[in-house]
Amino acid sequence: MGENHALVDDSVPHSARIWNYWLGGKDNYGPDREVGDQIAAANPQIVEIARAQRGFLKRAVRCLAAEHGVRQFLDVGTGLPTADNAHEVAQRVAPGSRVVYVDHDPLVLAHSRALLASAPEGATDYIDADLHDPDAILAQARKTLDLSRPVALVLLGTIAHVTDDTAYGIVGQLMAALPGGSFLVLCDDTEVVRPDAMREMIRQWNEAGENPRVNRSPAQLARFFDGLEMLEPGLVSVSLWRPEAADVGAPAAVDDFGAVARKPSL
């Protein structure tokens, strides 16, 4: 990781590295682990949330690739690469799948080569763009994706970084550019299961001074899916979205709700 020091400040806690730490990754530093441990001490479910969200990604992408024939994915705010990134899951089902990752974080950019190990039949690309600029995202995504054919827009734990109602317009603009038969895969943190702990998590996260977040209610998250057709079981805690049959017992709900929904064809 030495080559990354010129691009990032490893003395300041960083949200992508904290998330990487919770997922058991190795791309993090002492300050990241310190803040990650502080947040986890106040809210132990945050590590469960990180892992449940990763499981939701795997199940949703596999569902869309295997059951709905989706062959293109636009993953916005992908963060640091870990196991089972979107392209790995999709290309196991259909090696010709094409996946574009979007982030504007120099740390993620420094690791982007790890994301580019596509199956030879498909394509994987990384673009440096900000969620606040959907036009730039779409313009660059067109270099790899055919936006006249269905695309799955993936926003996992990302839209919380747009802390006001402009978030709805951003998601709406991205979905408006995609044809009928496209899908939205979106989830983010709530204050349903352990509200006090989740509010404290947001306070500590935002106090770190980097990339602030907001928790939204399930009703607020449901607004992102207006006009779309949700797949069963609808908007639920991500741990309860089509859990693996091999899971022992019923999984516990976590404070991260999400859904997968289809854009109707005209």
C-alpha atoms as a PDB file:
ATOM      1  CA  MET A   1       0.000   0.000   0.000  1.00  0.00           C
ATOM      2  CA  GLY A   2       3.002   2.297   0.042  1.00  0.00           C
ATOM      3  CA  GLU A   3       2.228   3.826  -3.344  1.00  0.00           C
ATOM      4  CA  ASN A   4      -1.088   5.116  -1.999  1.00  0.00           C
ATOM      5  CA  HIS A   5       0.469   7.488   0.542  1.00  0.00           C
ATOM      6  CA  ALA A   6       0.927  10.163  -2.099  1.00  0.00           C
ATOM      7  CA  LEU A   7      -2.808  10.117  -2.754  1.00  0.00           C
ATOM      8  CA  VAL A   8      -4.342   9.759   0.704  1.00  0.00           C
ATOM      9  CA  ASP A   9      -3.759  10.943   4.254  1.00  0.00           C
ATOM     10  CA  ASP A  10      -3.489   7.883   6.470  1.00  0.00           C
ATOM     11  CA  SER A  11      -3.461  10.004   9.652  1.00  0.00           C
ATOM     12  CA  VAL A  12      -7.150  10.984   9.297  1.00  0.00           C
ATOM     13  CA  PRO A  13     -10.004   8.487   9.664  1.00  0.00           C
ATOM     14  CA  HIS A  14     -11.617   7.704   6.329  1.00  0.00           C
ATOM     15  CA  SER A  15     -15.126   6.316   5.782  1.00  0.00           C
ATOM     16  CA  ALA A  16     -14.163   3.818   3.063  1.00  0.00           C
ATOM     17  CA  ARG A  17     -11.324   2.437   5.193  1.00  0.00           C
ATOM     18  CA  ILE A  18     -13.550   2.231   8.297  1.00  0.00           C
ATOM     19  CA  TRP A  19     -16.104   0.239   6.284  1.00  0.00           C
ATOM     20  CA  ASN A  20     -13.289  -1.934   4.947  1.00  0.00           C
ATOM     21  CA  TYR A  21     -12.181  -2.585   8.537  1.00  0.00           C
ATOM     22  CA  TRP A  22     -15.681  -3.662   9.577  1.00  0.00           C
ATOM     23  CA  LEU A  23     -15.806  -6.050   6.624  1.00  0.00           C
ATOM     24  CA  GLY A  24     -12.558  -7.668   7.749  1.00  0.00           C
ATOM     25  CA  GLY A  25     -10.439  -6.071   5.024  1.00  0.00           C
ATOM     26  CA  LYS A  26      -6.810  -5.020   5.305  1.00  0.00           C
ATOM     27  CA  ASP A  27      -6.914  -1.632   3.548  1.00  0.00           C
ATOM     28  CA  ASN A  28      -7.124   0.498   6.691  1.00  0.00           C
ATOM     29  CA  TYR A  29      -4.901   2.287   9.182  1.00  0.00           C
ATOM     30  CA  GLY A  30      -4.745   2.879  12.936  1.00  0.00           C
ATOM     31  CA  PRO A  31      -7.004   5.975  12.944  1.00  0.00           C
ATOM     32  CA  ASP A  32      -9.614   4.107  10.895  1.00  0.00           C
ATOM     33  CA  ARG A  33      -9.596   1.174  13.287  1.00  0.00           C
ATOM     34  CA  GLU A  34      -9.757   3.506  16.292  1.00  0.00           C
ATOM     35  CA  VAL A  35     -12.862   5.320  15.039  1.00  0.00           C
ATOM     36  CA  GLY A  36     -14.325   2.040  13.770  1.00  0.00           C
ATOM     37  CA  ASP A  37     -13.914   0.501  17.214  1.00  0.00           C
ATOM     38  CA  GLN A  38     -15.438   3.568  18.909  1.00  0.00           C
ATOM     39  CA  ILE A  39     -18.503   3.431  16.679  1.00  0.00           C
ATOM     40  CA  ALA A  40     -18.815  -0.346  17.046  1.00  0.00           C
ATOM     41  CA  ALA A  41     -18.543  -0.073  20.844  1.00  0.00           C
ATOM     42  CA  ALA A  42     -21.471   2.361  20.905  1.00  0.00           C
ATOM     43  CA  ASN A  43     -23.378   0.455  18.230  1.00  0.00           C
ATOM     44  CA  PRO A  44     -22.297  -3.196  17.892  1.00  0.00           C
ATOM     45  CA  GLN A  45     -24.797  -3.798  15.081  1.00  0.00           C
ATOM     46  CA  ILE A  46     -22.782  -1.592  12.724  1.00  0.00           C
ATOM     47  CA  VAL A  47     -20.462  -4.489  11.881  1.00  0.00           C
ATOM     48  CA  GLU A  48     -23.519  -6.678  11.282  1.00  0.00           C
ATOM     49  CA  ILE A  49     -24.910  -3.945   9.021  1.00  0.00           C
ATOM     50  CA  ALA A  50     -21.716  -3.807   6.964  1.00  0.00           C
ATOM     51  CA  ARG A  51     -21.753  -7.557   6.453  1.00  0.00           C
ATOM     52  CA  ALA A  52     -25.522  -7.750   5.885  1.00  0.00           C
ATOM     53  CA  GLN A  53     -25.247  -5.060   3.227  1.00  0.00           C
ATOM     54  CA  ARG A  54     -22.518  -7.035   1.449  1.00  0.00           C
ATOM     55  CA  GLY A  55     -24.762 -10.111   1.555  1.00  0.00           C
ATOM     56  CA  PHE A  56     -27.630  -8.085   0.088  1.00  0.00           C
ATOM     57  CA  LEU A  57     -25.376  -6.990  -2.777  1.00  0.00           C
ATOM     58  CA  LYS A  58     -24.452 -10.592  -3.571  1.00  0.00           C
ATOM     59  CA  ARG A  59     -28.032 -11.870  -3.470  1.00  0.00           C
ATOM     60  CA  ALA A  60     -29.488  -8.929  -5.423  1.00  0.00           C
ATOM     61  CA  VAL A  61     -26.886  -9.032  -8.203  1.00  0.00           C
ATOM     62  CA  ARG A  62     -27.155 -12.815  -8.476  1.00  0.00           C
ATOM     63  CA  CYS A  63     -30.957 -12.548  -8.626  1.00  0.00           C
ATOM     64  CA  LEU A  64     -30.885  -9.934 -11.387  1.00  0.00           C
ATOM     65  CA  ALA A  65     -28.268 -11.768 -13.431  1.00  0.00           C
ATOM     66  CA  ALA A  66     -29.756 -15.254 -13.038  1.00  0.00           C
ATOM     67  CA  GLU A  67     -33.509 -14.588 -12.911  1.00  0.00           C
ATOM     68  CA  HIS A  68     -33.942 -11.378 -14.897  1.00  0.00           C
ATOM     69  CA  GLY A  69     -31.159 -11.590 -17.475  1.00  0.00           C
ATOM     70  CA  VAL A  70     -29.491  -8.315 -16.435  1.00  0.00           C
ATOM     71  CA  ARG A  71     -26.043  -8.069 -17.990  1.00  0.00           C
ATOM     72  CA  GLN A  72     -25.099  -4.475 -17.119  1.00  0.00           C
ATOM     73  CA  PHE A  73     -24.521  -2.963 -13.667  1.00  0.00           C
ATOM     74  CA  LEU A  74     -23.707   0.601 -12.613  1.00  0.00           C
ATOM     75  CA  ASP A  75     -22.376   0.513  -9.034  1.00  0.00           C
ATOM     76  CA  VAL A  76     -22.176   4.065  -7.664  1.00  0.00           C
ATOM     77  CA  GLY A  77     -20.125   4.685  -4.537  1.00  0.00           C
ATOM     78  CA  THR A  78     -18.598   1.242  -4.623  1.00  0.00           C
ATOM     79  CA  GLY A  79     -15.952   1.941  -1.985  1.00  0.00           C
ATOM     80  CA  LEU A  80     -12.880  -0.202  -1.503  1.00  0.00           C
ATOM     81  CA  PRO A  81     -12.805  -3.620  -3.176  1.00  0.00           C
ATOM     82  CA  THR A  82     -13.466  -6.608  -0.935  1.00  0.00           C
ATOM     83  CA  ALA A  83     -14.594 -10.160  -1.659  1.00  0.00           C
ATOM     84  CA  ASP A  84     -17.560 -10.665  -3.982  1.00  0.00           C
ATOM     85  CA  ASN A  85     -17.678  -7.329  -5.744  1.00  0.00           C
ATOM     86  CA  ALA A  86     -20.595  -6.812  -8.145  1.00  0.00           C
ATOM     87  CA  HIS A  87     -18.674  -7.879 -11.257  1.00  0.00           C
ATOM     88  CA  GLU A  88     -17.477 -11.093  -9.609  1.00  0.00           C
ATOM     89  CA  VAL A  89     -21.018 -12.073  -8.613  1.00  0.00           C
ATOM     90  CA  ALA A  90     -22.548 -11.131 -11.994  1.00  0.00           C
ATOM     91  CA  GLN A  91     -19.813 -12.779 -14.062  1.00  0.00           C
ATOM     92  CA  ARG A  92     -20.153 -16.046 -12.166  1.00  0.00           C
ATOM     93  CA  VAL A  93     -23.694 -16.187 -13.537  1.00  0.00           C
ATOM     94  CA  ALA A  94     -22.978 -14.621 -16.932  1.00  0.00           C
ATOM     95  CA  PRO A  95     -19.305 -14.097 -17.835  1.00  0.00           C
ATOM     96  CA  GLY A  96     -20.293 -11.505 -20.442  1.00  0.00           C
ATOM     97  CA  SER A  97     -21.684  -9.106 -17.821  1.00  0.00           C
ATOM     98  CA  ARG A  98     -20.430  -5.523 -17.965  1.00  0.00           C
ATOM     99  CA  VAL A  99     -19.955  -3.584 -14.722  1.00  0.00           C
ATOM    100  CA  VAL A 100     -19.004   0.051 -14.167  1.00  0.00           C
ATOM    101  CA  TYR A 101     -17.926   1.194 -10.710  1.00  0.00           C
ATOM    102  CA  VAL A 102     -18.230   4.863  -9.765  1.00  0.00           C
ATOM    103  CA  ASP A 103     -16.452   6.690  -6.969  1.00  0.00           C
ATOM    104  CA  HIS A 104     -14.715  10.032  -6.534  1.00  0.00           C
ATOM    105  CA  ASP A 105     -12.510   8.979  -3.641  1.00  0.00           C
ATOM    106  CA  PRO A 106      -8.743   9.079  -4.312  1.00  0.00           C
ATOM    107  CA  LEU A 107      -8.256   6.094  -2.011  1.00  0.00           C
ATOM    108  CA  VAL A 108     -10.669   4.009  -4.058  1.00  0.00           C
ATOM    109  CA  LEU A 109      -9.023   5.257  -7.242  1.00  0.00           C
ATOM    110  CA  ALA A 110      -5.669   4.042  -5.903  1.00  0.00           C
ATOM    111  CA  HIS A 111      -7.159   0.558  -5.516  1.00  0.00           C
ATOM    112  CA  SER A 112      -9.203   0.534  -8.718  1.00  0.00           C
ATOM    113  CA  ARG A 113      -6.906  -1.901 -10.506  1.00  0.00           C
ATOM    114  CA  ALA A 114      -8.097  -4.586  -8.118  1.00  0.00           C
ATOM    115  CA  LEU A 115     -11.621  -4.026  -9.436  1.00  0.00           C
ATOM    116  CA  LEU A 116     -10.647  -4.378 -13.065  1.00  0.00           C
ATOM    117  CA  ALA A 117     -10.028  -8.132 -13.117  1.00  0.00           C
ATOM    118  CA  SER A 118     -12.972  -8.832 -15.386  1.00  0.00           C
ATOM    119  CA  ALA A 119     -13.810 -12.130 -17.014  1.00  0.00           C
ATOM    120  CA  PRO A 120     -12.455 -11.933 -20.578  1.00  0.00           C
ATOM    121  CA  GLU A 121     -15.958 -12.274 -22.028  1.00  0.00           C
ATOM    122  CA  GLY A 122     -17.241  -9.238 -20.134  1.00  0.00           C
ATOM    123  CA  ALA A 123     -15.986  -5.818 -19.101  1.00  0.00           C
ATOM    124  CA  THR A 124     -15.311  -3.962 -15.877  1.00  0.00           C
ATOM    125  CA  ASP A 125     -14.480  -0.278 -15.640  1.00  0.00           C
ATOM    126  CA  TYR A 126     -13.936   2.278 -12.907  1.00  0.00           C
ATOM    127  CA  ILE A 127     -14.896   5.930 -13.373  1.00  0.00           C
ATOM    128  CA  ASP A 128     -13.938   8.852 -11.193  1.00  0.00           C
ATOM    129  CA  ALA A 129     -17.169  10.823 -10.746  1.00  0.00           C
ATOM    130  CA  ASP A 130     -19.228  12.381  -7.953  1.00  0.00           C
ATOM    131  CA  LEU A 131     -22.738  11.216  -7.087  1.00  0.00           C
ATOM    132  CA  HIS A 132     -23.744  14.894  -7.056  1.00  0.00           C
ATOM    133  CA  ASP A 133     -23.024  15.034 -10.812  1.00  0.00           C
ATOM    134  CA  PRO A 134     -25.243  12.391 -12.448  1.00  0.00           C
ATOM    135  CA  ASP A 135     -24.615  13.831 -15.921  1.00  0.00           C
ATOM    136  CA  ALA A 136     -20.894  13.084 -15.578  1.00  0.00           C
ATOM    137  CA  ILE A 137     -21.628   9.578 -14.297  1.00  0.00           C
ATOM    138  CA  LEU A 138     -23.873   8.816 -17.252  1.00  0.00           C
ATOM    139  CA  ALA A 139     -21.515  10.336 -19.821  1.00  0.00           C
ATOM    140  CA  GLN A 140     -18.606   8.207 -18.636  1.00  0.00           C
ATOM    141  CA  ALA A 141     -20.706   5.074 -18.089  1.00  0.00           C
ATOM    142  CA  ARG A 142     -21.743   5.150 -21.752  1.00  0.00           C
ATOM    143  CA  LYS A 143     -18.175   4.284 -22.702  1.00  0.00           C
ATOM    144  CA  THR A 144     -18.685   0.783 -21.272  1.00  0.00           C
ATOM    145  CA  LEU A 145     -22.440   0.303 -20.934  1.00  0.00           C
ATOM    146  CA  ASP A 146     -25.142   0.387 -23.592  1.00  0.00           C
ATOM    147  CA  LEU A 147     -27.756   2.616 -21.962  1.00  0.00           C
ATOM    148  CA  SER A 148     -30.337   1.588 -24.545  1.00  0.00           C
ATOM    149  CA  ARG A 149     -30.407  -1.826 -22.850  1.00  0.00           C
ATOM    150  CA  PRO A 150     -31.386  -2.633 -19.242  1.00  0.00           C
ATOM    151  CA  VAL A 151     -28.947  -1.605 -16.514  1.00  0.00           C
ATOM    152  CA  ALA A 152     -29.058  -2.266 -12.771  1.00  0.00           C
ATOM    153  CA  LEU A 153     -28.215   0.907 -10.832  1.00  0.00           C
ATOM    154  CA  VAL A 154     -26.644  -0.099  -7.506  1.00  0.00           C
ATOM    155  CA  LEU A 155     -26.546   2.369  -4.589  1.00  0.00           C
ATOM    156  CA  LEU A 156     -25.601   0.581  -1.368  1.00  0.00           C
ATOM    157  CA  GLY A 157     -24.979   2.793   1.654  1.00  0.00           C
ATOM    158  CA  THR A 158     -24.210   5.619  -0.743  1.00  0.00           C
ATOM    159  CA  ILE A 159     -27.184   7.958  -0.963  1.00  0.00           C
ATOM    160  CA  ALA A 160     -26.930   8.685   2.791  1.00  0.00           C
ATOM    161  CA  HIS A 161     -23.961  10.886   1.895  1.00  0.00           C
ATOM    162  CA  VAL A 162     -26.405  13.222   0.122  1.00  0.00           C
ATOM    163  CA  THR A 163     -27.934  14.528   3.301  1.00  0.00           C
ATOM    164  CA  ASP A 164     -30.798  16.606   1.895  1.00  0.00           C
ATOM    165  CA  ASP A 165     -33.726  16.015  -0.448  1.00  0.00           C
ATOM    166  CA  THR A 166     -31.610  16.598  -3.557  1.00  0.00           C
ATOM    167  CA  ALA A 167     -30.854  12.874  -3.146  1.00  0.00           C
ATOM    168  CA  TYR A 168     -34.227  12.019  -4.711  1.00  0.00           C
ATOM    169  CA  GLY A 169     -33.531  14.119  -7.778  1.00  0.00           C
ATOM    170  CA  ILE A 170     -30.117  12.508  -8.254  1.00  0.00           C
ATOM    171  CA  VAL A 171     -31.489   8.964  -8.162  1.00  0.00           C
ATOM    172  CA  GLY A 172     -34.419  10.010 -10.335  1.00  0.00           C
ATOM    173  CA  GLN A 173     -32.111  11.533 -12.938  1.00  0.00           C
ATOM    174  CA  LEU A 174     -29.959   8.402 -13.083  1.00  0.00           C
ATOM    175  CA  MET A 175     -32.988   6.117 -13.424  1.00  0.00           C
ATOM    176  CA  ALA A 176     -34.595   8.394 -16.032  1.00  0.00           C
ATOM    177  CA  ALA A 177     -31.567   7.814 -18.284  1.00  0.00           C
ATOM    178  CA  LEU A 178     -32.003   4.041 -18.139  1.00  0.00           C
ATOM    179  CA  PRO A 179     -34.517   2.154 -20.295  1.00  0.00           C
ATOM    180  CA  GLY A 180     -37.528   0.151 -19.191  1.00  0.00           C
ATOM    181  CA  GLY A 181     -36.494  -3.189 -17.756  1.00  0.00           C
ATOM    182  CA  SER A 182     -33.685  -1.573 -15.766  1.00  0.00           C
ATOM    183  CA  PHE A 183     -33.482  -2.018 -11.998  1.00  0.00           C
ATOM    184  CA  LEU A 184     -32.683   0.025  -8.909  1.00  0.00           C
ATOM    185  CA  VAL A 185     -30.850  -1.747  -6.072  1.00  0.00           C
ATOM    186  CA  LEU A 186     -30.704   0.630  -3.110  1.00  0.00           C
ATOM    187  CA  CYS A 187     -30.258   0.365   0.629  1.00  0.00           C
ATOM    188  CA  ASP A 188     -29.180   2.586   3.477  1.00  0.00           C
ATOM    189  CA  ASP A 189     -29.167   3.005   7.235  1.00  0.00           C
ATOM    190  CA  THR A 190     -32.326   3.511   9.284  1.00  0.00           C
ATOM    191  CA  GLU A 191     -33.271   4.076  12.924  1.00  0.00           C
ATOM    192  CA  VAL A 192     -35.743   1.221  13.328  1.00  0.00           C
ATOM    193  CA  VAL A 193     -34.049  -1.627  15.204  1.00  0.00           C
ATOM    194  CA  ARG A 194     -31.795   0.335  17.573  1.00  0.00           C
ATOM    195  CA  PRO A 195     -32.641   4.011  17.041  1.00  0.00           C
ATOM    196  CA  ASP A 196     -30.526   5.471  19.851  1.00  0.00           C
ATOM    197  CA  ALA A 197     -27.447   3.549  18.755  1.00  0.00           C
ATOM    198  CA  MET A 198     -27.932   4.541  15.125  1.00  0.00           C
ATOM    199  CA  ARG A 199     -28.281   8.224  16.006  1.00  0.00           C
ATOM    200  CA  GLU A 200     -25.100   7.976  18.060  1.00  0.00           C
ATOM    201  CA  MET A 201     -23.355   6.273  15.137  1.00  0.00           C
ATOM    202  CA  ILE A 202     -24.253   9.187  12.861  1.00  0.00           C
ATOM    203  CA  ARG A 203     -23.045  11.672  15.472  1.00  0.00           C
ATOM    204  CA  GLN A 204     -19.682   9.927  15.805  1.00  0.00           C
ATOM    205  CA  TRP A 205     -19.329   9.396  12.062  1.00  0.00           C
ATOM    206  CA  ASN A 206     -20.034  13.037  11.247  1.00  0.00           C
ATOM    207  CA  GLU A 207     -17.838  14.254  14.089  1.00  0.00           C
ATOM    208  CA  ALA A 208     -14.915  12.552  12.343  1.00  0.00           C
ATOM    209  CA  GLY A 209     -15.343  15.361   9.810  1.00  0.00           C
ATOM    210  CA  GLU A 210     -15.188  13.340   6.595  1.00  0.00           C
ATOM    211  CA  ASN A 211     -18.060  12.551   4.234  1.00  0.00           C
ATOM    212  CA  PRO A 212     -21.104  13.151   6.515  1.00  0.00           C
ATOM    213  CA  ARG A 213     -24.112  10.839   6.460  1.00  0.00           C
ATOM    214  CA  VAL A 214     -27.806  10.898   7.380  1.00  0.00           C
ATOM    215  CA  ASN A 215     -30.098   8.075   8.464  1.00  0.00           C
ATOM    216  CA  ARG A 216     -33.443   7.890   6.648  1.00  0.00           C
ATOM    217  CA  SER A 217     -36.687   6.199   7.683  1.00  0.00           C
ATOM    218  CA  PRO A 218     -38.056   3.292   5.650  1.00  0.00           C
ATOM    219  CA  ALA A 219     -40.745   5.659   4.333  1.00  0.00           C
ATOM    220  CA  GLN A 220     -38.065   8.098   3.170  1.00  0.00           C
ATOM    221  CA  LEU A 221     -36.120   5.267   1.523  1.00  0.00           C
ATOM    222  CA  ALA A 222     -39.297   4.035  -0.196  1.00  0.00           C
ATOM    223  CA  ARG A 223     -39.541   7.391  -2.024  1.00  0.00           C
ATOM    224  CA  PHE A 224     -36.454   6.458  -4.057  1.00  0.00           C
ATOM    225  CA  PHE A 225     -38.517   3.663  -5.621  1.00  0.00           C
ATOM    226  CA  ASP A 226     -41.501   5.803  -6.676  1.00  0.00           C
ATOM    227  CA  GLY A 227     -42.746   4.668 -10.085  1.00  0.00           C
ATOM    228  CA  LEU A 228     -40.812   1.400  -9.930  1.00  0.00           C
ATOM    229  CA  GLU A 229     -42.066  -2.143  -9.386  1.00  0.00           C
ATOM    230  CA  MET A 230     -40.501  -3.700  -6.285  1.00  0.00           C
ATOM    231  CA  LEU A 231     -39.522  -7.339  -6.322  1.00  0.00           C
ATOM    232  CA  GLU A 232     -40.656  -9.442  -3.387  1.00  0.00           C
ATOM    233  CA  PRO A 233     -40.283  -9.032  -0.438  1.00  0.00           C
ATOM    234  CA  GLY A 234     -40.318  -5.259  -1.014  1.00  0.00           C
ATOM    235  CA  LEU A 235     -38.467  -2.784   1.199  1.00  0.00           C
ATOM    236  CA  VAL A 236     -37.115  -4.679   4.204  1.00  0.00           C
ATOM    237  CA  SER A 237     -34.065  -4.933   6.401  1.00  0.00           C
ATOM    238  CA  VAL A 238     -31.318  -6.089   4.039  1.00  0.00           C
ATOM    239  CA  SER A 239     -30.692  -9.197   6.123  1.00  0.00           C
ATOM    240  CA  LEU A 240     -34.299 -10.237   5.405  1.00  0.00           C
ATOM    241  CA  TRP A 241     -34.155  -9.697   1.619  1.00  0.00           C
ATOM    242  CA  ARG A 242     -34.247 -13.234   0.214  1.00  0.00           C
ATOM    243  CA  PRO A 243     -31.851 -14.751   2.766  1.00  0.00           C
ATOM    244  CA  GLU A 244     -29.910 -17.814   1.703  1.00  0.00           C
ATOM    245  CA  ALA A 245     -31.773 -21.089   2.146  1.00  0.00           C
ATOM    246  CA  ALA A 246     -28.710 -22.465   3.908  1.00  0.00           C
ATOM    247  CA  ASP A 247     -28.906 -19.824   6.646  1.00  0.00           C
ATOM    248  CA  VAL A 248     -29.718 -21.405   9.992  1.00  0.00           C
ATOM    249  CA  GLY A 249     -32.827 -19.899  11.561  1.00  0.00           C
ATOM    250  CA  ALA A 250     -34.345 -16.534  10.705  1.00  0.00           C
ATOM    251  CA  PRO A 251     -31.732 -13.790  10.273  1.00  0.00           C
ATOM    252  CA  ALA A 252     -31.987 -10.848  12.648  1.00  0.00           C
ATOM    253  CA  ALA A 253     -33.135  -7.504  11.292  1.00  0.00           C
ATOM    254  CA  VAL A 254     -30.514  -4.758  11.087  1.00  0.00           C
ATOM    255  CA  ASP A 255     -30.839  -0.994  10.710  1.00  0.00           C
ATOM    256  CA  ASP A 256     -30.237  -0.982   6.975  1.00  0.00           C
ATOM    257  CA  PHE A 257     -33.282  -1.256   4.707  1.00  0.00           C
ATOM    258  CA  GLY A 258     -33.297  -1.843   0.994  1.00  0.00           C
ATOM    259  CA  ALA A 259     -35.146  -3.161  -2.017  1.00  0.00           C
ATOM    260  CA  VAL A 260     -34.751  -4.149  -5.647  1.00  0.00           C
ATOM    261  CA  ALA A 261     -37.200  -2.616  -8.103  1.00  0.00           C
ATOM    262  CA  ARG A 262     -37.808  -2.708 -11.853  1.00  0.00           C
ATOM    263  CA  LYS A 263     -38.433   0.265 -14.112  1.00  0.00           C
ATOM    264  CA  PRO A 264     -41.552  -0.520 -16.146  1.00  0.00           C
ATOM    265  CA  SER A 265     -41.252  -0.758 -19.902  1.00  0.00           C
ATOM    266  CA  LEU A 266     -43.245   1.838 -21.831  1.00  0.00           C
END
